[in-house]
Amino acid sequence: MADTVKVDPNPIQRNKFDVAIELVNLHKRNFGLSSGKEIEELFAKYYALAKYLEDNSVDELESLIDQSIVEKAGSFKSASY
């Protein structure tokens, strides 16, 4: 009998709700939050972004962002995640 067990790693799957919650928490840590209304607005924006990205390609997202911002941040396609 073998003493080692081989397990194939599975990537963590997150749904739109999870992504929006994580982004609100990240925003809170970096910038703070001033009110419940701000939390609601941020959640709605981040949820909408997650929904958009679920249904569209990176190229389509990049086409929605002002070119000067894309140039400052660098192309999304060249980023390694």
PDB file of N, CA and C in Angstrom:
ATOM      1  N   MET A   1       0.848  -1.176   0.000  1.00  0.00           N
ATOM      2  CA  MET A   1       0.000   0.000   0.000  1.00  0.00           C
ATOM      3  C   MET A   1       0.896   1.243   0.000  1.00  0.00           C
ATOM      4  N   ALA A   2       0.563   2.214  -0.834  1.00  0.00           N
ATOM      5  CA  ALA A   2       1.360   3.438  -0.949  1.00  0.00           C
ATOM      6  C   ALA A   2       1.126   4.349   0.249  1.00  0.00           C
ATOM      7  N   ASP A   3       2.206   5.019   0.656  1.00  0.00           N
ATOM      8  CA  ASP A   3       2.114   5.957   1.784  1.00  0.00           C
ATOM      9  C   ASP A   3       1.756   7.370   1.347  1.00  0.00           C
ATOM     10  N   THR A   4       1.749   7.629   0.062  1.00  0.00           N
ATOM     11  CA  THR A   4       1.432   8.967  -0.429  1.00  0.00           C
ATOM     12  C   THR A   4       0.116   8.950  -1.185  1.00  0.00           C
ATOM     13  N   VAL A   5      -0.565  10.044  -1.104  1.00  0.00           N
ATOM     14  CA  VAL A   5      -1.837  10.219  -1.803  1.00  0.00           C
ATOM     15  C   VAL A   5      -1.653  11.346  -2.801  1.00  0.00           C
ATOM     16  N   LYS A   6      -2.001  11.102  -4.045  1.00  0.00           N
ATOM     17  CA  LYS A   6      -1.892  12.129  -5.082  1.00  0.00           C
ATOM     18  C   LYS A   6      -3.261  12.771  -5.268  1.00  0.00           C
ATOM     19  N   VAL A   7      -3.275  14.097  -5.186  1.00  0.00           N
ATOM     20  CA  VAL A   7      -4.521  14.848  -5.347  1.00  0.00           C
ATOM     21  C   VAL A   7      -4.307  15.888  -6.434  1.00  0.00           C
ATOM     22  N   ASP A   8      -5.210  15.932  -7.388  1.00  0.00           N
ATOM     23  CA  ASP A   8      -5.149  16.961  -8.427  1.00  0.00           C
ATOM     24  C   ASP A   8      -5.816  18.226  -7.901  1.00  0.00           C
ATOM     25  N   PRO A   9      -5.110  19.358  -7.970  1.00  0.00           N
ATOM     26  CA  PRO A   9      -5.709  20.598  -7.476  1.00  0.00           C
ATOM     27  C   PRO A   9      -6.853  21.065  -8.376  1.00  0.00           C
ATOM     28  N   ASN A  10      -7.886  21.567  -7.771  1.00  0.00           N
ATOM     29  CA  ASN A  10      -9.009  22.144  -8.504  1.00  0.00           C
ATOM     30  C   ASN A  10      -9.014  23.642  -8.250  1.00  0.00           C
ATOM     31  N   PRO A  11      -9.166  24.437  -9.304  1.00  0.00           N
ATOM     32  CA  PRO A  11      -9.224  25.876  -9.077  1.00  0.00           C
ATOM     33  C   PRO A  11     -10.474  26.255  -8.282  1.00  0.00           C
ATOM     34  N   ILE A  12     -10.335  27.297  -7.495  1.00  0.00           N
ATOM     35  CA  ILE A  12     -11.473  27.785  -6.707  1.00  0.00           C
ATOM     36  C   ILE A  12     -12.430  28.508  -7.647  1.00  0.00           C
ATOM     37  N   GLN A  13     -13.675  28.132  -7.586  1.00  0.00           N
ATOM     38  CA  GLN A  13     -14.693  28.773  -8.409  1.00  0.00           C
ATOM     39  C   GLN A  13     -15.441  29.803  -7.576  1.00  0.00           C
ATOM     40  N   ARG A  14     -15.577  30.998  -8.105  1.00  0.00           N
ATOM     41  CA  ARG A  14     -16.319  32.052  -7.415  1.00  0.00           C
ATOM     42  C   ARG A  14     -17.451  32.508  -8.322  1.00  0.00           C
ATOM     43  N   ASN A  15     -18.598  32.766  -7.715  1.00  0.00           N
ATOM     44  CA  ASN A  15     -19.703  33.293  -8.494  1.00  0.00           C
ATOM     45  C   ASN A  15     -19.685  34.821  -8.426  1.00  0.00           C
ATOM     46  N   LYS A  16     -20.596  35.439  -9.149  1.00  0.00           N
ATOM     47  CA  LYS A  16     -20.642  36.908  -9.219  1.00  0.00           C
ATOM     48  C   LYS A  16     -20.810  37.541  -7.842  1.00  0.00           C
ATOM     49  N   PHE A  17     -21.633  36.945  -7.014  1.00  0.00           N
ATOM     50  CA  PHE A  17     -21.874  37.468  -5.677  1.00  0.00           C
ATOM     51  C   PHE A  17     -20.583  37.455  -4.856  1.00  0.00           C
ATOM     52  N   ASP A  18     -19.861  36.321  -4.886  1.00  0.00           N
ATOM     53  CA  ASP A  18     -18.598  36.211  -4.149  1.00  0.00           C
ATOM     54  C   ASP A  18     -17.589  37.261  -4.603  1.00  0.00           C
ATOM     55  N   VAL A  19     -17.487  37.449  -5.917  1.00  0.00           N
ATOM     56  CA  VAL A  19     -16.542  38.422  -6.467  1.00  0.00           C
ATOM     57  C   VAL A  19     -16.913  39.830  -5.999  1.00  0.00           C
ATOM     58  N   ALA A  20     -18.191  40.170  -6.057  1.00  0.00           N
ATOM     59  CA  ALA A  20     -18.627  41.505  -5.632  1.00  0.00           C
ATOM     60  C   ALA A  20     -18.337  41.731  -4.152  1.00  0.00           C
ATOM     61  N   ILE A  21     -18.591  40.728  -3.317  1.00  0.00           N
ATOM     62  CA  ILE A  21     -18.308  40.846  -1.885  1.00  0.00           C
ATOM     63  C   ILE A  21     -16.812  41.045  -1.651  1.00  0.00           C
ATOM     64  N   GLU A  22     -15.983  40.263  -2.335  1.00  0.00           N
ATOM     65  CA  GLU A  22     -14.533  40.390  -2.171  1.00  0.00           C
ATOM     66  C   GLU A  22     -14.041  41.766  -2.603  1.00  0.00           C
ATOM     67  N   LEU A  23     -14.602  42.298  -3.697  1.00  0.00           N
ATOM     68  CA  LEU A  23     -14.187  43.612  -4.163  1.00  0.00           C
ATOM     69  C   LEU A  23     -14.624  44.721  -3.204  1.00  0.00           C
ATOM     70  N   VAL A  24     -15.817  44.595  -2.620  1.00  0.00           N
ATOM     71  CA  VAL A  24     -16.257  45.572  -1.616  1.00  0.00           C
ATOM     72  C   VAL A  24     -15.326  45.516  -0.407  1.00  0.00           C
ATOM     73  N   ASN A  25     -14.972  44.319   0.037  1.00  0.00           N
ATOM     74  CA  ASN A  25     -14.057  44.189   1.172  1.00  0.00           C
ATOM     75  C   ASN A  25     -12.683  44.766   0.857  1.00  0.00           C
ATOM     76  N   LEU A  26     -12.191  44.542  -0.346  1.00  0.00           N
ATOM     77  CA  LEU A  26     -10.915  45.120  -0.768  1.00  0.00           C
ATOM     78  C   LEU A  26     -10.998  46.643  -0.778  1.00  0.00           C
ATOM     79  N   HIS A  27     -12.082  47.162  -1.308  1.00  0.00           N
ATOM     80  CA  HIS A  27     -12.298  48.612  -1.331  1.00  0.00           C
ATOM     81  C   HIS A  27     -12.306  49.168   0.102  1.00  0.00           C
ATOM     82  N   LYS A  28     -12.998  48.474   0.980  1.00  0.00           N
ATOM     83  CA  LYS A  28     -13.090  48.904   2.381  1.00  0.00           C
ATOM     84  C   LYS A  28     -11.706  48.961   3.026  1.00  0.00           C
ATOM     85  N   ARG A  29     -10.891  47.922   2.808  1.00  0.00           N
ATOM     86  CA  ARG A  29      -9.540  47.899   3.389  1.00  0.00           C
ATOM     87  C   ARG A  29      -8.668  49.016   2.847  1.00  0.00           C
ATOM     88  N   ASN A  30      -8.799  49.320   1.563  1.00  0.00           N
ATOM     89  CA  ASN A  30      -7.923  50.310   0.935  1.00  0.00           C
ATOM     90  C   ASN A  30      -8.407  51.750   1.065  1.00  0.00           C
ATOM     91  N   PHE A  31      -9.713  51.951   1.056  1.00  0.00           N
ATOM     92  CA  PHE A  31     -10.244  53.309   1.021  1.00  0.00           C
ATOM     93  C   PHE A  31     -11.227  53.622   2.138  1.00  0.00           C
ATOM     94  N   GLY A  32     -11.716  52.607   2.832  1.00  0.00           N
ATOM     95  CA  GLY A  32     -12.738  52.822   3.845  1.00  0.00           C
ATOM     96  C   GLY A  32     -14.110  52.959   3.212  1.00  0.00           C
ATOM     97  N   LEU A  33     -15.117  52.930   4.048  1.00  0.00           N
ATOM     98  CA  LEU A  33     -16.500  53.103   3.606  1.00  0.00           C
ATOM     99  C   LEU A  33     -17.178  54.059   4.574  1.00  0.00           C
ATOM    100  N   SER A  34     -17.987  54.953   4.040  1.00  0.00           N
ATOM    101  CA  SER A  34     -18.577  55.974   4.899  1.00  0.00           C
ATOM    102  C   SER A  34     -20.026  55.713   5.284  1.00  0.00           C
ATOM    103  N   SER A  35     -20.729  54.873   4.525  1.00  0.00           N
ATOM    104  CA  SER A  35     -22.153  54.677   4.826  1.00  0.00           C
ATOM    105  C   SER A  35     -22.670  53.385   4.211  1.00  0.00           C
ATOM    106  N   GLY A  36     -23.838  52.980   4.681  1.00  0.00           N
ATOM    107  CA  GLY A  36     -24.504  51.822   4.107  1.00  0.00           C
ATOM    108  C   GLY A  36     -24.862  52.044   2.651  1.00  0.00           C
ATOM    109  N   LYS A  37     -25.222  53.265   2.326  1.00  0.00           N
ATOM    110  CA  LYS A  37     -25.567  53.598   0.936  1.00  0.00           C
ATOM    111  C   LYS A  37     -24.349  53.408   0.031  1.00  0.00           C
ATOM    112  N   GLU A  38     -23.165  53.798   0.518  1.00  0.00           N
ATOM    113  CA  GLU A  38     -21.947  53.619  -0.270  1.00  0.00           C
ATOM    114  C   GLU A  38     -21.674  52.128  -0.498  1.00  0.00           C
ATOM    115  N   ILE A  39     -21.900  51.318   0.521  1.00  0.00           N
ATOM    116  CA  ILE A  39     -21.706  49.875   0.393  1.00  0.00           C
ATOM    117  C   ILE A  39     -22.654  49.318  -0.667  1.00  0.00           C
ATOM    118  N   GLU A  40     -23.909  49.734  -0.620  1.00  0.00           N
ATOM    119  CA  GLU A  40     -24.896  49.269  -1.600  1.00  0.00           C
ATOM    120  C   GLU A  40     -24.478  49.647  -3.016  1.00  0.00           C
ATOM    121  N   GLU A  41     -24.043  50.890  -3.196  1.00  0.00           N
ATOM    122  CA  GLU A  41     -23.657  51.363  -4.520  1.00  0.00           C
ATOM    123  C   GLU A  41     -22.428  50.624  -5.042  1.00  0.00           C
ATOM    124  N   LEU A  42     -21.439  50.435  -4.163  1.00  0.00           N
ATOM    125  CA  LEU A  42     -20.238  49.717  -4.574  1.00  0.00           C
ATOM    126  C   LEU A  42     -20.559  48.264  -4.923  1.00  0.00           C
ATOM    127  N   PHE A  43     -21.375  47.618  -4.091  1.00  0.00           N
ATOM    128  CA  PHE A  43     -21.739  46.231  -4.368  1.00  0.00           C
ATOM    129  C   PHE A  43     -22.431  46.131  -5.723  1.00  0.00           C
ATOM    130  N   ALA A  44     -23.359  47.036  -5.994  1.00  0.00           N
ATOM    131  CA  ALA A  44     -24.083  47.011  -7.270  1.00  0.00           C
ATOM    132  C   ALA A  44     -23.112  47.181  -8.445  1.00  0.00           C
ATOM    133  N   LYS A  45     -22.165  48.094  -8.312  1.00  0.00           N
ATOM    134  CA  LYS A  45     -21.191  48.314  -9.389  1.00  0.00           C
ATOM    135  C   LYS A  45     -20.295  47.098  -9.582  1.00  0.00           C
ATOM    136  N   TYR A  46     -19.793  46.538  -8.475  1.00  0.00           N
ATOM    137  CA  TYR A  46     -18.896  45.395  -8.582  1.00  0.00           C
ATOM    138  C   TYR A  46     -19.636  44.152  -9.070  1.00  0.00           C
ATOM    139  N   TYR A  47     -20.883  43.979  -8.668  1.00  0.00           N
ATOM    140  CA  TYR A  47     -21.680  42.844  -9.146  1.00  0.00           C
ATOM    141  C   TYR A  47     -21.916  42.981 -10.652  1.00  0.00           C
ATOM    142  N   ALA A  48     -22.251  44.192 -11.085  1.00  0.00           N
ATOM    143  CA  ALA A  48     -22.481  44.422 -12.515  1.00  0.00           C
ATOM    144  C   ALA A  48     -21.203  44.157 -13.318  1.00  0.00           C
ATOM    145  N   LEU A  49     -20.067  44.553 -12.784  1.00  0.00           N
ATOM    146  CA  LEU A  49     -18.793  44.294 -13.453  1.00  0.00           C
ATOM    147  C   LEU A  49     -18.529  42.798 -13.546  1.00  0.00           C
ATOM    148  N   ALA A  50     -18.747  42.075 -12.457  1.00  0.00           N
ATOM    149  CA  ALA A  50     -18.542  40.618 -12.458  1.00  0.00           C
ATOM    150  C   ALA A  50     -19.483  39.948 -13.455  1.00  0.00           C
ATOM    151  N   LYS A  51     -20.725  40.399 -13.521  1.00  0.00           N
ATOM    152  CA  LYS A  51     -21.690  39.858 -14.471  1.00  0.00           C
ATOM    153  C   LYS A  51     -21.239  40.124 -15.900  1.00  0.00           C
ATOM    154  N   TYR A  52     -20.785  41.345 -16.153  1.00  0.00           N
ATOM    155  CA  TYR A  52     -20.313  41.706 -17.494  1.00  0.00           C
ATOM    156  C   TYR A  52     -19.138  40.813 -17.899  1.00  0.00           C
ATOM    157  N   LEU A  53     -18.192  40.649 -16.980  1.00  0.00           N
ATOM    158  CA  LEU A  53     -17.002  39.860 -17.295  1.00  0.00           C
ATOM    159  C   LEU A  53     -17.321  38.379 -17.478  1.00  0.00           C
ATOM    160  N   GLU A  54     -18.361  37.915 -16.806  1.00  0.00           N
ATOM    161  CA  GLU A  54     -18.780  36.525 -16.976  1.00  0.00           C
ATOM    162  C   GLU A  54     -19.292  36.280 -18.398  1.00  0.00           C
ATOM    163  N   ASP A  55     -19.922  37.282 -18.975  1.00  0.00           N
ATOM    164  CA  ASP A  55     -20.574  37.132 -20.274  1.00  0.00           C
ATOM    165  C   ASP A  55     -19.769  37.659 -21.455  1.00  0.00           C
ATOM    166  N   ASN A  56     -18.656  38.368 -21.202  1.00  0.00           N
ATOM    167  CA  ASN A  56     -17.921  39.021 -22.277  1.00  0.00           C
ATOM    168  C   ASN A  56     -16.427  38.759 -22.155  1.00  0.00           C
ATOM    169  N   SER A  57     -15.724  39.064 -23.238  1.00  0.00           N
ATOM    170  CA  SER A  57     -14.286  38.827 -23.263  1.00  0.00           C
ATOM    171  C   SER A  57     -13.521  40.040 -22.712  1.00  0.00           C
ATOM    172  N   VAL A  58     -12.249  39.817 -22.449  1.00  0.00           N
ATOM    173  CA  VAL A  58     -11.380  40.889 -21.981  1.00  0.00           C
ATOM    174  C   VAL A  58     -11.295  41.986 -23.035  1.00  0.00           C
ATOM    175  N   ASP A  59     -11.299  41.600 -24.305  1.00  0.00           N
ATOM    176  CA  ASP A  59     -11.243  42.592 -25.386  1.00  0.00           C
ATOM    177  C   ASP A  59     -12.438  43.539 -25.318  1.00  0.00           C
ATOM    178  N   GLU A  60     -13.613  42.993 -25.033  1.00  0.00           N
ATOM    179  CA  GLU A  60     -14.809  43.831 -24.944  1.00  0.00           C
ATOM    180  C   GLU A  60     -14.734  44.779 -23.743  1.00  0.00           C
ATOM    181  N   LEU A  61     -14.217  44.302 -22.636  1.00  0.00           N
ATOM    182  CA  LEU A  61     -14.047  45.164 -21.471  1.00  0.00           C
ATOM    183  C   LEU A  61     -13.061  46.277 -21.773  1.00  0.00           C
ATOM    184  N   GLU A  62     -11.945  45.924 -22.373  1.00  0.00           N
ATOM    185  CA  GLU A  62     -10.920  46.919 -22.680  1.00  0.00           C
ATOM    186  C   GLU A  62     -11.464  47.984 -23.623  1.00  0.00           C
ATOM    187  N   SER A  63     -12.378  47.611 -24.512  1.00  0.00           N
ATOM    188  CA  SER A  63     -12.944  48.587 -25.449  1.00  0.00           C
ATOM    189  C   SER A  63     -13.852  49.603 -24.746  1.00  0.00           C
ATOM    190  N   LEU A  64     -14.344  49.278 -23.543  1.00  0.00           N
ATOM    191  CA  LEU A  64     -15.214  50.192 -22.796  1.00  0.00           C
ATOM    192  C   LEU A  64     -14.439  51.216 -21.960  1.00  0.00           C
ATOM    193  N   ILE A  65     -13.159  50.950 -21.748  1.00  0.00           N
ATOM    194  CA  ILE A  65     -12.352  51.798 -20.870  1.00  0.00           C
ATOM    195  C   ILE A  65     -11.602  52.820 -21.708  1.00  0.00           C
ATOM    196  N   ASP A  66     -11.552  54.043 -21.228  1.00  0.00           N
ATOM    197  CA  ASP A  66     -10.837  55.104 -21.922  1.00  0.00           C
ATOM    198  C   ASP A  66      -9.410  54.653 -22.220  1.00  0.00           C
ATOM    199  N   GLN A  67      -8.966  54.890 -23.444  1.00  0.00           N
ATOM    200  CA  GLN A  67      -7.658  54.401 -23.879  1.00  0.00           C
ATOM    201  C   GLN A  67      -6.515  54.926 -23.014  1.00  0.00           C
ATOM    202  N   SER A  68      -6.626  56.139 -22.496  1.00  0.00           N
ATOM    203  CA  SER A  68      -5.553  56.684 -21.657  1.00  0.00           C
ATOM    204  C   SER A  68      -5.401  55.878 -20.361  1.00  0.00           C
ATOM    205  N   ILE A  69      -6.504  55.367 -19.829  1.00  0.00           N
ATOM    206  CA  ILE A  69      -6.448  54.541 -18.621  1.00  0.00           C
ATOM    207  C   ILE A  69      -5.806  53.192 -18.944  1.00  0.00           C
ATOM    208  N   VAL A  70      -6.181  52.617 -20.087  1.00  0.00           N
ATOM    209  CA  VAL A  70      -5.596  51.338 -20.499  1.00  0.00           C
ATOM    210  C   VAL A  70      -4.091  51.491 -20.678  1.00  0.00           C
ATOM    211  N   GLU A  71      -3.660  52.605 -21.267  1.00  0.00           N
ATOM    212  CA  GLU A  71      -2.229  52.825 -21.480  1.00  0.00           C
ATOM    213  C   GLU A  71      -1.490  52.973 -20.156  1.00  0.00           C
ATOM    214  N   LYS A  72      -2.092  53.665 -19.183  1.00  0.00           N
ATOM    215  CA  LYS A  72      -1.450  53.828 -17.874  1.00  0.00           C
ATOM    216  C   LYS A  72      -1.350  52.506 -17.134  1.00  0.00           C
ATOM    217  N   ALA A  73      -2.409  51.717 -17.186  1.00  0.00           N
ATOM    218  CA  ALA A  73      -2.456  50.453 -16.454  1.00  0.00           C
ATOM    219  C   ALA A  73      -1.742  49.329 -17.214  1.00  0.00           C
ATOM    220  N   GLY A  74      -1.642  49.464 -18.498  1.00  0.00           N
ATOM    221  CA  GLY A  74      -1.111  48.376 -19.314  1.00  0.00           C
ATOM    222  C   GLY A  74      -2.258  47.534 -19.830  1.00  0.00           C
ATOM    223  N   SER A  75      -2.002  46.827 -20.886  1.00  0.00           N
ATOM    224  CA  SER A  75      -3.040  45.988 -21.474  1.00  0.00           C
ATOM    225  C   SER A  75      -3.432  44.853 -20.542  1.00  0.00           C
ATOM    226  N   PHE A  76      -4.721  44.562 -20.468  1.00  0.00           N
ATOM    227  CA  PHE A  76      -5.198  43.456 -19.645  1.00  0.00           C
ATOM    228  C   PHE A  76      -4.674  42.127 -20.185  1.00  0.00           C
ATOM    229  N   LYS A  77      -4.493  42.075 -21.507  1.00  0.00           N
ATOM    230  CA  LYS A  77      -4.063  40.815 -22.135  1.00  0.00           C
ATOM    231  C   LYS A  77      -2.643  40.447 -21.752  1.00  0.00           C
ATOM    232  N   SER A  78      -1.810  41.445 -21.468  1.00  0.00           N
ATOM    233  CA  SER A  78      -0.409  41.150 -21.150  1.00  0.00           C
ATOM    234  C   SER A  78      -0.211  40.851 -19.668  1.00  0.00           C
ATOM    235  N   ALA A  79      -1.231  41.088 -18.865  1.00  0.00           N
ATOM    236  CA  ALA A  79      -1.123  40.817 -17.422  1.00  0.00           C
ATOM    237  C   ALA A  79      -1.142  39.311 -17.190  1.00  0.00           C
ATOM    238  N   SER A  80      -0.308  38.861 -16.284  1.00  0.00           N
ATOM    239  CA  SER A  80      -0.308  37.427 -15.960  1.00  0.00           C
ATOM    240  C   SER A  80      -0.925  37.221 -14.594  1.00  0.00           C
ATOM    241  N   TYR A  81      -1.947  36.382 -14.551  1.00  0.00           N
ATOM    242  CA  TYR A  81      -2.654  36.130 -13.300  1.00  0.00           C
ATOM    243  C   TYR A  81      -2.451  34.709 -12.887  1.00  0.00           C
TER     244      TYR A  81
END
